[in-house]
Amino acid sequence: MVDYKKYFERIYIEEIDKLEEANEYFEKRNLSLRAMIDLVKSHKAQNLSLINQAIEERNEEEVYNILNRSKDYVAEMRRVLYSSIKDFFGEDSINDLKRKYGN
């Protein structure tokens, strides 16, 4: 079976790293993304348990479903982040973050 856990970890590691970097940007303005970061880490832990079970059962279809839900969740968190930045700091701040940290 393909190393799905490695791919799963990469989905969350990259997003959590970006959130941590963006949090530095927010903290300079006396705000924090800590709750969002904790939420993503909690989601990761829940799905890690599910993916481990699906791998044990050799249920590739469920593994793919979990991976897709994880990617969708991470993408939604990024949309929420960008929307929050836009609301607080304006469109230019989003562009600054994208230049500094990538999409």
C-alpha atoms as a PDB file:
ATOM      1  CA  MET A   1       0.000   0.000   0.000  1.00  0.00           C
ATOM      2  CA  VAL A   2       1.204   3.523  -0.797  1.00  0.00           C
ATOM      3  CA  ASP A   3       2.571   5.534   2.149  1.00  0.00           C
ATOM      4  CA  TYR A   4      -0.629   7.515   2.666  1.00  0.00           C
ATOM      5  CA  LYS A   5       0.374   8.661   6.137  1.00  0.00           C
ATOM      6  CA  LYS A   6       3.353  10.515   4.705  1.00  0.00           C
ATOM      7  CA  TYR A   7       1.107  12.318   2.226  1.00  0.00           C
ATOM      8  CA  PHE A   8      -1.446  12.987   4.986  1.00  0.00           C
ATOM      9  CA  GLU A   9       1.242  14.476   7.241  1.00  0.00           C
ATOM     10  CA  ARG A  10       2.485  16.719   4.439  1.00  0.00           C
ATOM     11  CA  ILE A  11      -1.027  18.177   3.934  1.00  0.00           C
ATOM     12  CA  TYR A  12      -1.167  19.332   7.536  1.00  0.00           C
ATOM     13  CA  ILE A  13       2.500  20.108   8.144  1.00  0.00           C
ATOM     14  CA  GLU A  14       2.591  22.605   5.283  1.00  0.00           C
ATOM     15  CA  GLU A  15      -0.630  24.284   6.410  1.00  0.00           C
ATOM     16  CA  ILE A  16       0.330  24.422  10.078  1.00  0.00           C
ATOM     17  CA  ASP A  17       3.724  25.895   9.126  1.00  0.00           C
ATOM     18  CA  LYS A  18       2.005  28.585   7.031  1.00  0.00           C
ATOM     19  CA  LEU A  19      -0.414  29.359   9.849  1.00  0.00           C
ATOM     20  CA  GLU A  20       2.466  29.644  12.326  1.00  0.00           C
ATOM     21  CA  GLU A  21       4.235  32.070   9.980  1.00  0.00           C
ATOM     22  CA  ALA A  22       1.044  34.072   9.416  1.00  0.00           C
ATOM     23  CA  ASN A  23       0.517  34.127  13.182  1.00  0.00           C
ATOM     24  CA  GLU A  24       3.793  36.018  13.514  1.00  0.00           C
ATOM     25  CA  TYR A  25       2.331  38.623  11.148  1.00  0.00           C
ATOM     26  CA  PHE A  26      -0.830  38.841  13.268  1.00  0.00           C
ATOM     27  CA  GLU A  27       1.024  38.966  16.587  1.00  0.00           C
ATOM     28  CA  LYS A  28       2.940  42.030  15.402  1.00  0.00           C
ATOM     29  CA  ARG A  29      -0.516  43.647  15.256  1.00  0.00           C
ATOM     30  CA  ASN A  30      -1.553  42.322  18.689  1.00  0.00           C
ATOM     31  CA  LEU A  31      -3.789  39.587  17.268  1.00  0.00           C
ATOM     32  CA  SER A  32      -3.371  35.819  17.220  1.00  0.00           C
ATOM     33  CA  LEU A  33      -4.208  32.824  15.066  1.00  0.00           C
ATOM     34  CA  ARG A  34      -3.519  30.401  17.923  1.00  0.00           C
ATOM     35  CA  ALA A  35      -7.159  29.194  18.043  1.00  0.00           C
ATOM     36  CA  MET A  36      -7.125  28.473  14.287  1.00  0.00           C
ATOM     37  CA  ILE A  37      -3.787  26.669  14.562  1.00  0.00           C
ATOM     38  CA  ASP A  38      -5.104  24.556  17.451  1.00  0.00           C
ATOM     39  CA  LEU A  39      -8.252  23.761  15.462  1.00  0.00           C
ATOM     40  CA  VAL A  40      -6.206  22.532  12.474  1.00  0.00           C
ATOM     41  CA  LYS A  41      -3.986  20.435  14.770  1.00  0.00           C
ATOM     42  CA  SER A  42      -7.079  18.914  16.405  1.00  0.00           C
ATOM     43  CA  HIS A  43      -8.558  18.097  12.994  1.00  0.00           C
ATOM     44  CA  LYS A  44      -5.272  16.492  12.010  1.00  0.00           C
ATOM     45  CA  ALA A  45      -5.250  14.301  15.135  1.00  0.00           C
ATOM     46  CA  GLN A  46      -8.831  13.162  14.535  1.00  0.00           C
ATOM     47  CA  ASN A  47      -8.185  12.307  10.906  1.00  0.00           C
ATOM     48  CA  LEU A  48      -4.886  10.610  11.701  1.00  0.00           C
ATOM     49  CA  SER A  49      -6.787   8.148  13.855  1.00  0.00           C
ATOM     50  CA  LEU A  50      -9.288   7.558  11.042  1.00  0.00           C
ATOM     51  CA  ILE A  51      -6.587   7.145   8.410  1.00  0.00           C
ATOM     52  CA  ASN A  52      -4.682   4.672  10.579  1.00  0.00           C
ATOM     53  CA  GLN A  53      -7.850   2.602  10.969  1.00  0.00           C
ATOM     54  CA  ALA A  54      -8.548   2.693   7.216  1.00  0.00           C
ATOM     55  CA  ILE A  55      -4.964   1.645   6.476  1.00  0.00           C
ATOM     56  CA  GLU A  56      -5.220  -1.239   8.953  1.00  0.00           C
ATOM     57  CA  GLU A  57      -8.414  -2.351   7.238  1.00  0.00           C
ATOM     58  CA  ARG A  58      -6.706  -1.893   3.858  1.00  0.00           C
ATOM     59  CA  ASN A  59      -9.619   0.295   2.772  1.00  0.00           C
ATOM     60  CA  GLU A  60      -7.995   2.466   0.116  1.00  0.00           C
ATOM     61  CA  GLU A  61     -11.269   4.134  -0.835  1.00  0.00           C
ATOM     62  CA  GLU A  62     -11.723   5.410   2.741  1.00  0.00           C
ATOM     63  CA  VAL A  63      -8.082   6.537   2.834  1.00  0.00           C
ATOM     64  CA  TYR A  64      -8.677   8.604  -0.316  1.00  0.00           C
ATOM     65  CA  ASN A  65     -11.869  10.030   1.192  1.00  0.00           C
ATOM     66  CA  ILE A  66     -10.032  11.082   4.352  1.00  0.00           C
ATOM     67  CA  LEU A  67      -7.193  12.615   2.338  1.00  0.00           C
ATOM     68  CA  ASN A  68      -9.665  14.560   0.189  1.00  0.00           C
ATOM     69  CA  ARG A  69     -11.602  15.774   3.243  1.00  0.00           C
ATOM     70  CA  SER A  70      -8.313  16.828   4.813  1.00  0.00           C
ATOM     71  CA  LYS A  71      -7.267  18.803   1.729  1.00  0.00           C
ATOM     72  CA  ASP A  72     -10.700  20.457   1.592  1.00  0.00           C
ATOM     73  CA  TYR A  73     -10.535  21.345   5.284  1.00  0.00           C
ATOM     74  CA  VAL A  74      -7.073  22.848   4.960  1.00  0.00           C
ATOM     75  CA  ALA A  75      -8.177  24.854   1.910  1.00  0.00           C
ATOM     76  CA  GLU A  76     -11.202  26.167   3.832  1.00  0.00           C
ATOM     77  CA  MET A  77      -9.011  27.221   6.759  1.00  0.00           C
ATOM     78  CA  ARG A  78      -6.802  29.124   4.328  1.00  0.00           C
ATOM     79  CA  ARG A  79      -9.882  30.878   2.866  1.00  0.00           C
ATOM     80  CA  VAL A  80     -10.987  31.820   6.394  1.00  0.00           C
ATOM     81  CA  LEU A  81      -7.504  33.122   7.151  1.00  0.00           C
ATOM     82  CA  TYR A  82      -7.344  35.257   4.009  1.00  0.00           C
ATOM     83  CA  SER A  83     -10.856  36.571   4.621  1.00  0.00           C
ATOM     84  CA  SER A  84      -9.890  37.536   8.180  1.00  0.00           C
ATOM     85  CA  ILE A  85      -6.741  39.267   7.002  1.00  0.00           C
ATOM     86  CA  LYS A  86      -8.699  41.151   4.378  1.00  0.00           C
ATOM     87  CA  ASP A  87     -11.312  42.216   6.939  1.00  0.00           C
ATOM     88  CA  PHE A  88      -8.725  43.360   9.483  1.00  0.00           C
ATOM     89  CA  PHE A  89      -5.958  44.773   7.314  1.00  0.00           C
ATOM     90  CA  GLY A  90      -7.230  45.123   3.745  1.00  0.00           C
ATOM     91  CA  GLU A  91      -6.429  43.471   0.419  1.00  0.00           C
ATOM     92  CA  ASP A  92      -2.795  44.665   0.360  1.00  0.00           C
ATOM     93  CA  SER A  93      -2.051  42.653   3.492  1.00  0.00           C
ATOM     94  CA  ILE A  94      -3.142  39.433   1.780  1.00  0.00           C
ATOM     95  CA  ASN A  95      -0.819  40.168  -1.117  1.00  0.00           C
ATOM     96  CA  ASP A  96       2.023  40.898   1.322  1.00  0.00           C
ATOM     97  CA  LEU A  97       1.482  37.559   3.062  1.00  0.00           C
ATOM     98  CA  LYS A  98       1.247  35.649  -0.209  1.00  0.00           C
ATOM     99  CA  ARG A  99       4.503  37.191  -1.394  1.00  0.00           C
ATOM    100  CA  LYS A 100       6.224  36.462   1.892  1.00  0.00           C
ATOM    101  CA  TYR A 101       4.851  32.977   2.649  1.00  0.00           C
ATOM    102  CA  GLY A 102       3.389  31.698  -0.623  1.00  0.00           C
ATOM    103  CA  ASN A 103      -0.191  30.636  -1.272  1.00  0.00           C
END
